[in-house]
C-alpha atoms as a PDB file:
ATOM      1  CA  MET A   1      -0.089  -0.034  -0.010  1.00  0.00           C
ATOM      2  CA  GLN A   2       1.385   3.278  -0.966  1.00  0.00           C
ATOM      3  CA  LEU A   3       1.177   6.072   1.704  1.00  0.00           C
ATOM      4  CA  THR A   4       0.098   9.563   0.644  1.00  0.00           C
ATOM      5  CA  ARG A   5       0.068  12.734   2.689  1.00  0.00           C
ATOM      6  CA  ARG A   6      -3.544  12.382   3.340  1.00  0.00           C
ATOM      7  CA  SER A   7      -3.478   8.687   4.289  1.00  0.00           C
ATOM      8  CA  ALA A   8      -0.616   9.076   6.887  1.00  0.00           C
ATOM      9  CA  PRO A   9      -2.642  10.828   9.473  1.00  0.00           C
ATOM     10  CA  VAL A  10      -5.266   8.209   9.214  1.00  0.00           C
ATOM     11  CA  ILE A  11      -2.873   5.395   9.751  1.00  0.00           C
ATOM     12  CA  ALA A  12      -1.224   7.264  12.595  1.00  0.00           C
ATOM     13  CA  GLY A  13      -4.681   7.755  14.279  1.00  0.00           C
ATOM     14  CA  ILE A  14      -5.393   4.008  13.830  1.00  0.00           C
ATOM     15  CA  VAL A  15      -2.069   3.046  15.492  1.00  0.00           C
ATOM     16  CA  PHE A  16      -2.778   5.482  18.410  1.00  0.00           C
ATOM     17  CA  PHE A  17      -6.326   4.143  18.831  1.00  0.00           C
ATOM     18  CA  ALA A  18      -5.040   0.638  19.144  1.00  0.00           C
ATOM     19  CA  ALA A  19      -2.303   1.359  21.642  1.00  0.00           C
ATOM     20  CA  ALA A  20      -4.852   3.550  23.765  1.00  0.00           C
ATOM     21  CA  SER A  21      -7.223   0.555  23.648  1.00  0.00           C
ATOM     22  CA  VAL A  22      -4.466  -1.726  25.126  1.00  0.00           C
ATOM     23  CA  PHE A  23      -3.010   0.794  27.823  1.00  0.00           C
ATOM     24  CA  THR A  24      -6.103   2.284  29.238  1.00  0.00           C
ATOM     25  CA  PRO A  25      -5.936   2.905  33.036  1.00  0.00           C
ATOM     26  CA  GLY A  26      -8.486   0.099  33.693  1.00  0.00           C
ATOM     27  CA  ALA A  27      -6.169  -2.335  31.790  1.00  0.00           C
ATOM     28  CA  LEU A  28      -3.087  -0.983  33.403  1.00  0.00           C
ATOM     29  CA  HIS A  29      -4.764  -1.579  36.880  1.00  0.00           C
ATOM     30  CA  ALA A  30      -5.758  -5.061  35.927  1.00  0.00           C
ATOM     31  CA  GLN A  31      -2.284  -5.735  34.645  1.00  0.00           C
ATOM     32  CA  SER A  32      -0.759  -4.496  37.980  1.00  0.00           C
ATOM     33  CA  ALA A  33      -3.160  -6.547  40.091  1.00  0.00           C
ATOM     34  CA  ALA A  34      -2.462  -9.747  38.096  1.00  0.00           C
ATOM     35  CA  GLN A  35       1.126  -9.175  38.756  1.00  0.00           C
ATOM     36  CA  GLN A  36       0.507  -8.587  42.453  1.00  0.00           C
ATOM     37  CA  GLU A  37      -1.643 -11.547  42.681  1.00  0.00           C
ATOM     38  CA  TYR A  38       0.538 -14.203  44.573  1.00  0.00           C
ATOM     39  CA  THR A  39      -0.727 -17.213  46.451  1.00  0.00           C
ATOM     40  CA  PRO A  40       1.692 -19.191  48.391  1.00  0.00           C
ATOM     41  CA  THR A  41       1.258 -23.057  48.384  1.00  0.00           C
ATOM     42  CA  VAL A  42       1.679 -25.048  51.460  1.00  0.00           C
ATOM     43  CA  GLY A  43       4.801 -27.218  51.066  1.00  0.00           C
ATOM     44  CA  GLN A  44       6.430 -24.846  48.567  1.00  0.00           C
ATOM     45  CA  GLU A  45      10.150 -24.891  48.462  1.00  0.00           C
ATOM     46  CA  GLY A  46      12.050 -22.079  50.287  1.00  0.00           C
ATOM     47  CA  LYS A  47      15.720 -21.374  50.844  1.00  0.00           C
ATOM     48  CA  ASP A  48      16.222 -23.718  53.796  1.00  0.00           C
ATOM     49  CA  VAL A  49      12.707 -25.039  54.543  1.00  0.00           C
ATOM     50  CA  ILE A  50       9.479 -25.677  52.786  1.00  0.00           C
ATOM     51  CA  TRP A  51       6.626 -23.369  53.820  1.00  0.00           C
ATOM     52  CA  VAL A  52       4.036 -24.732  56.176  1.00  0.00           C
ATOM     53  CA  PRO A  53       2.018 -21.985  57.914  1.00  0.00           C
ATOM     54  CA  THR A  54       1.723 -21.969  61.691  1.00  0.00           C
ATOM     55  CA  PRO A  55      -1.858 -22.288  62.699  1.00  0.00           C
ATOM     56  CA  GLN A  56      -3.456 -19.064  64.074  1.00  0.00           C
ATOM     57  CA  ALA A  57      -4.366 -20.579  67.610  1.00  0.00           C
ATOM     58  CA  LEU A  58      -0.729 -21.516  68.071  1.00  0.00           C
ATOM     59  CA  VAL A  59       0.600 -18.093  67.010  1.00  0.00           C
ATOM     60  CA  GLU A  60      -1.498 -16.616  69.620  1.00  0.00           C
ATOM     61  CA  ARG A  61      -0.430 -19.093  72.111  1.00  0.00           C
ATOM     62  CA  MET A  62       3.309 -18.485  71.366  1.00  0.00           C
ATOM     63  CA  LEU A  63       2.941 -14.771  72.027  1.00  0.00           C
ATOM     64  CA  ASP A  64       1.093 -15.553  75.195  1.00  0.00           C
ATOM     65  CA  MET A  65       3.917 -17.760  76.293  1.00  0.00           C
ATOM     66  CA  ALA A  66       6.427 -14.864  75.584  1.00  0.00           C
ATOM     67  CA  LYS A  67       4.163 -12.563  77.560  1.00  0.00           C
ATOM     68  CA  VAL A  68       4.409 -10.014  74.725  1.00  0.00           C
ATOM     69  CA  THR A  69       3.586  -6.376  75.696  1.00  0.00           C
ATOM     70  CA  PRO A  70       3.491  -3.178  73.731  1.00  0.00           C
ATOM     71  CA  GLN A  71       7.005  -2.550  75.102  1.00  0.00           C
ATOM     72  CA  ASP A  72       8.499  -5.543  73.276  1.00  0.00           C
ATOM     73  CA  TYR A  73       9.916  -5.719  69.732  1.00  0.00           C
ATOM     74  CA  VAL A  74       9.042  -8.988  68.118  1.00  0.00           C
ATOM     75  CA  ILE A  75      11.075 -10.416  65.181  1.00  0.00           C
ATOM     76  CA  ASP A  76       9.937 -13.325  63.257  1.00  0.00           C
ATOM     77  CA  LEU A  77      12.685 -15.494  61.405  1.00  0.00           C
ATOM     78  CA  GLY A  78      11.160 -16.798  58.321  1.00  0.00           C
ATOM     79  CA  SER A  79       8.123 -14.736  58.542  1.00  0.00           C
ATOM     80  CA  GLY A  80       6.245 -16.315  55.485  1.00  0.00           C
ATOM     81  CA  ASP A  81       2.719 -14.784  54.785  1.00  0.00           C
ATOM     82  CA  GLY A  82       3.314 -12.575  57.914  1.00  0.00           C
ATOM     83  CA  ARG A  83       0.682 -13.907  60.180  1.00  0.00           C
ATOM     84  CA  THR A  84       3.045 -13.834  63.360  1.00  0.00           C
ATOM     85  CA  VAL A  85       4.163 -10.413  62.794  1.00  0.00           C
ATOM     86  CA  ILE A  86       0.690  -9.126  62.079  1.00  0.00           C
ATOM     87  CA  THR A  87      -0.843 -10.904  65.186  1.00  0.00           C
ATOM     88  CA  ALA A  88       1.855  -9.250  67.332  1.00  0.00           C
ATOM     89  CA  ALA A  89       1.183  -5.736  65.642  1.00  0.00           C
ATOM     90  CA  LYS A  90      -2.568  -6.213  66.466  1.00  0.00           C
ATOM     91  CA  ARG A  91      -1.692  -6.427  70.072  1.00  0.00           C
ATOM     92  CA  GLY A  92       0.032  -2.944  69.786  1.00  0.00           C
ATOM     93  CA  VAL A  93       3.537  -4.283  69.540  1.00  0.00           C
ATOM     94  CA  ARG A  94       6.197  -3.290  67.126  1.00  0.00           C
ATOM     95  CA  ALA A  95       7.096  -6.414  65.003  1.00  0.00           C
ATOM     96  CA  LEU A  96       9.476  -7.238  62.047  1.00  0.00           C
ATOM     97  CA  GLY A  97       9.439 -10.269  59.767  1.00  0.00           C
ATOM     98  CA  ILE A  98      12.505 -11.413  57.852  1.00  0.00           C
ATOM     99  CA  GLU A  99      11.792 -13.467  54.942  1.00  0.00           C
ATOM    100  CA  TYR A 100      13.920 -14.768  52.090  1.00  0.00           C
ATOM    101  CA  ASN A 101      11.362 -14.879  49.518  1.00  0.00           C
ATOM    102  CA  PRO A 102      10.437 -11.517  47.932  1.00  0.00           C
ATOM    103  CA  ASP A 103       6.889 -12.465  46.815  1.00  0.00           C
ATOM    104  CA  MET A 104       6.114 -13.594  50.530  1.00  0.00           C
ATOM    105  CA  VAL A 105       7.419 -10.213  51.559  1.00  0.00           C
ATOM    106  CA  GLU A 106       5.132  -8.341  49.366  1.00  0.00           C
ATOM    107  CA  LEU A 107       2.280 -10.544  50.283  1.00  0.00           C
ATOM    108  CA  SER A 108       2.928  -9.845  53.976  1.00  0.00           C
ATOM    109  CA  LYS A 109       2.989  -6.182  53.386  1.00  0.00           C
ATOM    110  CA  ARG A 110      -0.452  -6.182  51.646  1.00  0.00           C
ATOM    111  CA  ASN A 111      -1.785  -8.212  54.439  1.00  0.00           C
ATOM    112  CA  ALA A 112      -0.502  -5.871  57.034  1.00  0.00           C
ATOM    113  CA  GLU A 113      -2.012  -2.988  55.101  1.00  0.00           C
ATOM    114  CA  LYS A 114      -5.272  -4.771  54.846  1.00  0.00           C
ATOM    115  CA  ALA A 115      -5.347  -5.278  58.666  1.00  0.00           C
ATOM    116  CA  GLY A 116      -4.544  -1.488  59.097  1.00  0.00           C
ATOM    117  CA  ILE A 117      -1.434  -2.103  61.240  1.00  0.00           C
ATOM    118  CA  SER A 118       1.290  -1.503  58.512  1.00  0.00           C
ATOM    119  CA  GLY A 119       2.845   1.214  60.933  1.00  0.00           C
ATOM    120  CA  ARG A 120       3.685  -1.490  63.431  1.00  0.00           C
ATOM    121  CA  ALA A 121       4.293  -4.439  61.237  1.00  0.00           C
ATOM    122  CA  GLN A 122       7.438  -4.288  58.987  1.00  0.00           C
ATOM    123  CA  PHE A 123       8.892  -6.985  56.556  1.00  0.00           C
ATOM    124  CA  VAL A 124      12.178  -7.110  55.017  1.00  0.00           C
ATOM    125  CA  GLN A 125      13.704  -9.618  52.384  1.00  0.00           C
ATOM    126  CA  GLY A 126      16.777 -11.200  53.856  1.00  0.00           C
ATOM    127  CA  ASP A 127      18.626 -14.314  54.870  1.00  0.00           C
ATOM    128  CA  ILE A 128      18.013 -14.958  58.572  1.00  0.00           C
ATOM    129  CA  PHE A 129      21.679 -16.073  58.983  1.00  0.00           C
ATOM    130  CA  GLU A 130      23.023 -12.729  57.590  1.00  0.00           C
ATOM    131  CA  THR A 131      20.336 -10.253  59.062  1.00  0.00           C
ATOM    132  CA  ASP A 132      20.859  -8.570  62.419  1.00  0.00           C
ATOM    133  CA  PHE A 133      17.935  -9.458  64.805  1.00  0.00           C
ATOM    134  CA  SER A 134      19.864  -8.608  68.095  1.00  0.00           C
ATOM    135  CA  GLN A 135      17.433  -5.837  69.035  1.00  0.00           C
ATOM    136  CA  ALA A 136      14.545  -8.186  69.544  1.00  0.00           C
ATOM    137  CA  THR A 137      13.130  -8.761  72.851  1.00  0.00           C
ATOM    138  CA  VAL A 138      11.042 -11.685  71.537  1.00  0.00           C
ATOM    139  CA  LEU A 139      12.124 -14.007  68.756  1.00  0.00           C
ATOM    140  CA  THR A 140       9.750 -16.333  67.062  1.00  0.00           C
ATOM    141  CA  LEU A 141      10.566 -19.185  64.645  1.00  0.00           C
ATOM    142  CA  TYR A 142       9.317 -22.251  62.809  1.00  0.00           C
ATOM    143  CA  LEU A 143      12.478 -23.711  61.542  1.00  0.00           C
ATOM    144  CA  LEU A 144      14.059 -27.213  61.328  1.00  0.00           C
ATOM    145  CA  PRO A 145      16.260 -28.509  64.375  1.00  0.00           C
ATOM    146  CA  SER A 146      19.411 -28.138  62.236  1.00  0.00           C
ATOM    147  CA  LEU A 147      18.643 -24.536  61.527  1.00  0.00           C
ATOM    148  CA  ASN A 148      17.772 -23.767  65.239  1.00  0.00           C
ATOM    149  CA  LEU A 149      21.102 -25.105  66.219  1.00  0.00           C
ATOM    150  CA  LYS A 150      22.836 -22.923  63.761  1.00  0.00           C
ATOM    151  CA  LEU A 151      21.269 -20.085  65.157  1.00  0.00           C
ATOM    152  CA  ARG A 152      21.696 -20.960  68.834  1.00  0.00           C
ATOM    153  CA  PRO A 153      25.209 -19.425  69.271  1.00  0.00           C
ATOM    154  CA  THR A 154      23.652 -16.046  68.088  1.00  0.00           C
ATOM    155  CA  ILE A 155      20.661 -16.230  70.230  1.00  0.00           C
ATOM    156  CA  LEU A 156      22.615 -17.218  73.360  1.00  0.00           C
ATOM    157  CA  LYS A 157      24.602 -13.832  72.730  1.00  0.00           C
ATOM    158  CA  MET A 158      21.341 -11.763  72.833  1.00  0.00           C
ATOM    159  CA  LYS A 159      20.426  -9.667  75.866  1.00  0.00           C
ATOM    160  CA  PRO A 160      19.613 -11.798  78.822  1.00  0.00           C
ATOM    161  CA  GLY A 161      15.850 -12.090  79.321  1.00  0.00           C
ATOM    162  CA  THR A 162      15.047 -12.142  75.509  1.00  0.00           C
ATOM    163  CA  ARG A 163      12.280 -14.747  74.855  1.00  0.00           C
ATOM    164  CA  VAL A 164      12.494 -17.091  72.209  1.00  0.00           C
ATOM    165  CA  VAL A 165       9.576 -19.392  71.005  1.00  0.00           C
ATOM    166  CA  SER A 166       9.735 -21.952  68.367  1.00  0.00           C
ATOM    167  CA  HIS A 167       6.926 -23.957  66.763  1.00  0.00           C
ATOM    168  CA  ALA A 168       7.543 -27.727  66.753  1.00  0.00           C
ATOM    169  CA  PHE A 169      11.301 -27.863  67.001  1.00  0.00           C
ATOM    170  CA  SER A 170      13.541 -27.691  70.109  1.00  0.00           C
ATOM    171  CA  MET A 171      17.188 -26.554  70.576  1.00  0.00           C
ATOM    172  CA  ASP A 172      18.788 -29.735  71.316  1.00  0.00           C
ATOM    173  CA  ASP A 173      20.290 -29.879  74.835  1.00  0.00           C
ATOM    174  CA  TRP A 174      19.126 -26.208  75.628  1.00  0.00           C
ATOM    175  CA  GLN A 175      16.165 -27.433  77.527  1.00  0.00           C
ATOM    176  CA  ALA A 176      13.071 -25.222  77.000  1.00  0.00           C
ATOM    177  CA  ASP A 177      11.684 -23.131  80.023  1.00  0.00           C
ATOM    178  CA  GLN A 178       8.205 -23.874  78.991  1.00  0.00           C
ATOM    179  CA  THR A 179       6.494 -26.295  76.750  1.00  0.00           C
ATOM    180  CA  GLU A 180       2.758 -26.017  75.703  1.00  0.00           C
ATOM    181  CA  SER A 181       0.638 -27.844  72.993  1.00  0.00           C
ATOM    182  CA  VAL A 182      -2.264 -26.430  70.928  1.00  0.00           C
ATOM    183  CA  GLU A 183      -4.351 -28.580  68.639  1.00  0.00           C
ATOM    184  CA  GLY A 184      -1.586 -31.326  68.601  1.00  0.00           C
ATOM    185  CA  ARG A 185       1.147 -28.794  67.919  1.00  0.00           C
ATOM    186  CA  THR A 186       3.971 -28.042  70.303  1.00  0.00           C
ATOM    187  CA  ALA A 187       5.478 -24.702  71.092  1.00  0.00           C
ATOM    188  CA  TYR A 188       8.676 -24.123  73.084  1.00  0.00           C
ATOM    189  CA  LEU A 189       9.784 -21.078  75.134  1.00  0.00           C
ATOM    190  CA  TRP A 190      13.369 -20.334  76.100  1.00  0.00           C
ATOM    191  CA  ILE A 191      14.566 -17.321  78.088  1.00  0.00           C
ATOM    192  CA  VAL A 192      18.061 -16.278  77.093  1.00  0.00           C
ATOM    193  CA  PRO A 193      20.174 -16.695  80.378  1.00  0.00           C
ATOM    194  CA  ALA A 194      22.836 -14.353  81.515  1.00  0.00           C
ATOM    195  CA  PRO A 195      26.485 -15.824  81.596  1.00  0.00           C
ATOM    196  CA  VAL A 196      27.216 -16.495  85.168  1.00  0.00           C
ATOM    197  CA  GLU A 197      30.037 -19.202  85.031  1.00  0.00           C
ATOM    198  CA  GLY A 198      33.045 -18.254  86.956  1.00  0.00           C
ATOM    199  CA  ALA A 199      34.276 -17.173  90.401  1.00  0.00           C
ATOM    200  CA  TRP A 200      32.377 -14.517  92.206  1.00  0.00           C
ATOM    201  CA  ARG A 201      33.261 -12.779  95.544  1.00  0.00           C
ATOM    202  CA  TRP A 202      30.487 -11.067  97.431  1.00  0.00           C
ATOM    203  CA  ASN A 203      29.686  -9.150 100.610  1.00  0.00           C
ATOM    204  CA  ILE A 204      26.617  -8.647 102.541  1.00  0.00           C
ATOM    205  CA  SER A 205      25.817  -5.024 103.726  1.00  0.00           C
ATOM    206  CA  GLY A 206      26.233  -4.505 107.406  1.00  0.00           C
ATOM    207  CA  SER A 207      28.078  -7.935 107.873  1.00  0.00           C
ATOM    208  CA  GLY A 208      31.525  -6.507 108.069  1.00  0.00           C
ATOM    209  CA  PRO A 209      34.560  -7.861 106.368  1.00  0.00           C
ATOM    210  CA  ARG A 210      34.112 -11.331 105.343  1.00  0.00           C
ATOM    211  CA  ASP A 211      35.656 -13.686 102.877  1.00  0.00           C
ATOM    212  CA  TYR A 212      32.816 -15.087 100.733  1.00  0.00           C
ATOM    213  CA  GLU A 213      33.398 -16.886  97.409  1.00  0.00           C
ATOM    214  CA  MET A 214      31.002 -18.604  95.072  1.00  0.00           C
ATOM    215  CA  VAL A 215      32.233 -20.714  92.103  1.00  0.00           C
ATOM    216  CA  LEU A 216      29.426 -21.624  89.260  1.00  0.00           C
ATOM    217  CA  ARG A 217      29.283 -23.751  86.446  1.00  0.00           C
ATOM    218  CA  GLN A 218      26.718 -23.132  83.648  1.00  0.00           C
ATOM    219  CA  HIS A 219      24.988 -25.085  81.082  1.00  0.00           C
ATOM    220  CA  HIS A 220      22.781 -22.528  79.363  1.00  0.00           C
ATOM    221  CA  GLN A 221      20.129 -21.869  82.294  1.00  0.00           C
ATOM    222  CA  GLN A 222      21.134 -24.814  84.445  1.00  0.00           C
ATOM    223  CA  VAL A 223      23.670 -23.726  87.109  1.00  0.00           C
ATOM    224  CA  GLU A 224      25.463 -25.482  89.948  1.00  0.00           C
ATOM    225  CA  GLY A 225      28.530 -24.586  92.037  1.00  0.00           C
ATOM    226  CA  LEU A 226      30.014 -24.423  95.462  1.00  0.00           C
ATOM    227  CA  VAL A 227      30.617 -21.716  98.005  1.00  0.00           C
ATOM    228  CA  ARG A 228      33.415 -20.830 100.553  1.00  0.00           C
ATOM    229  CA  LEU A 229      32.451 -18.800 103.665  1.00  0.00           C
ATOM    230  CA  ASN A 230      35.462 -17.553 105.655  1.00  0.00           C
ATOM    231  CA  GLY A 231      37.547 -20.476 104.666  1.00  0.00           C
ATOM    232  CA  LYS A 232      34.844 -23.149 105.149  1.00  0.00           C
ATOM    233  CA  THR A 233      32.973 -25.038 102.390  1.00  0.00           C
ATOM    234  CA  GLY A 234      29.277 -24.252 102.538  1.00  0.00           C
ATOM    235  CA  GLN A 235      26.217 -25.654 100.721  1.00  0.00           C
ATOM    236  CA  LEU A 236      24.828 -23.975  97.485  1.00  0.00           C
ATOM    237  CA  ARG A 237      21.407 -25.248  96.814  1.00  0.00           C
ATOM    238  CA  ASN A 238      18.328 -24.424  94.442  1.00  0.00           C
ATOM    239  CA  VAL A 239      20.210 -22.207  92.081  1.00  0.00           C
ATOM    240  CA  THR A 240      17.730 -20.774  89.539  1.00  0.00           C
ATOM    241  CA  LEU A 241      18.550 -18.599  86.544  1.00  0.00           C
ATOM    242  CA  ARG A 242      15.919 -16.913  84.392  1.00  0.00           C
ATOM    243  CA  GLY A 243      17.205 -14.386  82.064  1.00  0.00           C
ATOM    244  CA  ASP A 244      19.187 -11.924  84.241  1.00  0.00           C
ATOM    245  CA  ALA A 245      17.428 -12.880  87.499  1.00  0.00           C
ATOM    246  CA  ILE A 246      19.328 -15.412  89.759  1.00  0.00           C
ATOM    247  CA  SER A 247      18.404 -16.866  93.092  1.00  0.00           C
ATOM    248  CA  PHE A 248      19.927 -19.544  95.320  1.00  0.00           C
ATOM    249  CA  THR A 249      20.118 -20.719  98.940  1.00  0.00           C
ATOM    250  CA  VAL A 250      23.369 -20.799 100.944  1.00  0.00           C
ATOM    251  CA  PHE A 251      23.814 -22.919 104.142  1.00  0.00           C
ATOM    252  CA  GLU A 252      26.836 -21.650 106.015  1.00  0.00           C
ATOM    253  CA  PRO A 253      28.390 -24.130 108.473  1.00  0.00           C
ATOM    254  CA  THR A 254      28.641 -23.258 112.063  1.00  0.00           C
ATOM    255  CA  SER A 255      29.409 -25.191 115.140  1.00  0.00           C
ATOM    256  CA  SER A 256      25.681 -25.902 115.713  1.00  0.00           C
ATOM    257  CA  ASN A 257      23.007 -25.562 112.992  1.00  0.00           C
ATOM    258  CA  PRO A 258      23.909 -24.349 109.567  1.00  0.00           C
ATOM    259  CA  ILE A 259      22.762 -20.774 108.858  1.00  0.00           C
ATOM    260  CA  ARG A 260      20.551 -20.330 105.927  1.00  0.00           C
ATOM    261  CA  ARG A 261      20.630 -17.389 103.622  1.00  0.00           C
ATOM    262  CA  ASP A 262      18.297 -17.029 100.574  1.00  0.00           C
ATOM    263  CA  PHE A 263      19.790 -14.744  97.863  1.00  0.00           C
ATOM    264  CA  THR A 264      18.062 -13.036  94.905  1.00  0.00           C
ATOM    265  CA  GLY A 265      19.792 -10.620  92.505  1.00  0.00           C
ATOM    266  CA  ARG A 266      20.198  -9.470  89.014  1.00  0.00           C
ATOM    267  CA  VAL A 267      23.107 -10.030  86.989  1.00  0.00           C
ATOM    268  CA  SER A 268      24.747  -7.231  84.867  1.00  0.00           C
ATOM    269  CA  GLY A 269      28.017  -8.230  83.180  1.00  0.00           C
ATOM    270  CA  ASP A 270      30.526  -8.999  85.912  1.00  0.00           C
ATOM    271  CA  THR A 271      28.317  -7.650  88.748  1.00  0.00           C
ATOM    272  CA  ILE A 272      25.295  -9.097  90.751  1.00  0.00           C
ATOM    273  CA  GLU A 273      23.222  -7.032  93.016  1.00  0.00           C
ATOM    274  CA  GLY A 274      20.257  -8.012  95.211  1.00  0.00           C
ATOM    275  CA  THR A 275      18.828  -8.806  98.549  1.00  0.00           C
ATOM    276  CA  VAL A 276      19.494 -11.736 100.960  1.00  0.00           C
ATOM    277  CA  LYS A 277      17.173 -13.097 103.735  1.00  0.00           C
ATOM    278  CA  HIS A 278      18.762 -14.345 106.736  1.00  0.00           C
ATOM    279  CA  PRO A 279      17.826 -15.162 110.437  1.00  0.00           C
ATOM    280  CA  GLY A 280      18.366 -11.648 111.331  1.00  0.00           C
ATOM    281  CA  GLY A 281      16.203 -10.090 108.616  1.00  0.00           C
ATOM    282  CA  GLU A 282      17.195  -8.880 105.141  1.00  0.00           C
ATOM    283  CA  ALA A 283      20.210  -7.058 103.746  1.00  0.00           C
ATOM    284  CA  LYS A 284      21.745  -6.004 100.436  1.00  0.00           C
ATOM    285  CA  TRP A 285      24.329  -8.051  98.915  1.00  0.00           C
ATOM    286  CA  THR A 286      26.750  -7.400  95.871  1.00  0.00           C
ATOM    287  CA  ALA A 287      29.050  -9.660  93.998  1.00  0.00           C
ATOM    288  CA  THR A 288      31.807  -9.106  91.459  1.00  0.00           C
ATOM    289  CA  ARG A 289      33.188 -11.771  89.025  1.00  0.00           C
ATOM    290  CA  ALA A 290      36.868 -12.458  89.476  1.00  0.00           C
ATOM    291  CA  ALA A 291      38.914 -12.057  86.143  1.00  0.00           C
ATOM    292  CA  ALA A 292      39.583 -15.339  84.491  1.00  0.00           C
ATOM    293  CA  ALA A 293      43.167 -16.785  84.758  1.00  0.00           C
ATOM    294  CA  ASN A 294      44.955 -16.920  81.527  1.00  0.00           C
END
């Protein structure tokens, strides 16, 4: 077909009309919506695990076990469709989901926006082994046992008192502080313990100069040891460590009946401060960890 000056504008108009019919605002919206439609499938492959969502009833129980409050910062490792983060945010909590699958991240963001809590629920695409989650006060996860173990050294370095809740899988010989079941599924809670192993020297307010020493051995939150009181070996009983809170009972040997003292305190680095109850009443006590020998 030969083009003339007259026919060219007509052809151009046809081309423009055809393009406009394809790229109308409605069509663009439909195309965008089609691109955003992503529906995950239970059992689909992920980077380290397949995706199986945690039932909502168990999500609620896990947050209850951690005693989540609006002062907490919840981080969910491998956050999937975002349900744990969104549930925490609905309780007035700031929460972050770390998810490797970018489609899941976008789905989670849309779910949070629909729930009206996108200001408190955040999601990032990332590898849980390369992303910093140290600021969490509550950590939630649904990972394989091997992945829990790989994460465990990092978790144990988090601030003492951080609560960790896992769906289904444990932490090997780090025994859970609490275990509960919902609809046939198990959840485990751990509280990150303060490091207390070593030799501690302490004094009790108002007791005058005395030579008190306590040597502790620690395996996660399980602690045992011995005490020396003015050169004599006493008995150390009922040692309990929960986060940075420690308590124990000491029986001081005497010529007659042993003197019982019940200690409670808070661990802060190489210092413990607290109160002790004894036959004469109650007093303050402090302890300092001795420097480890080279």
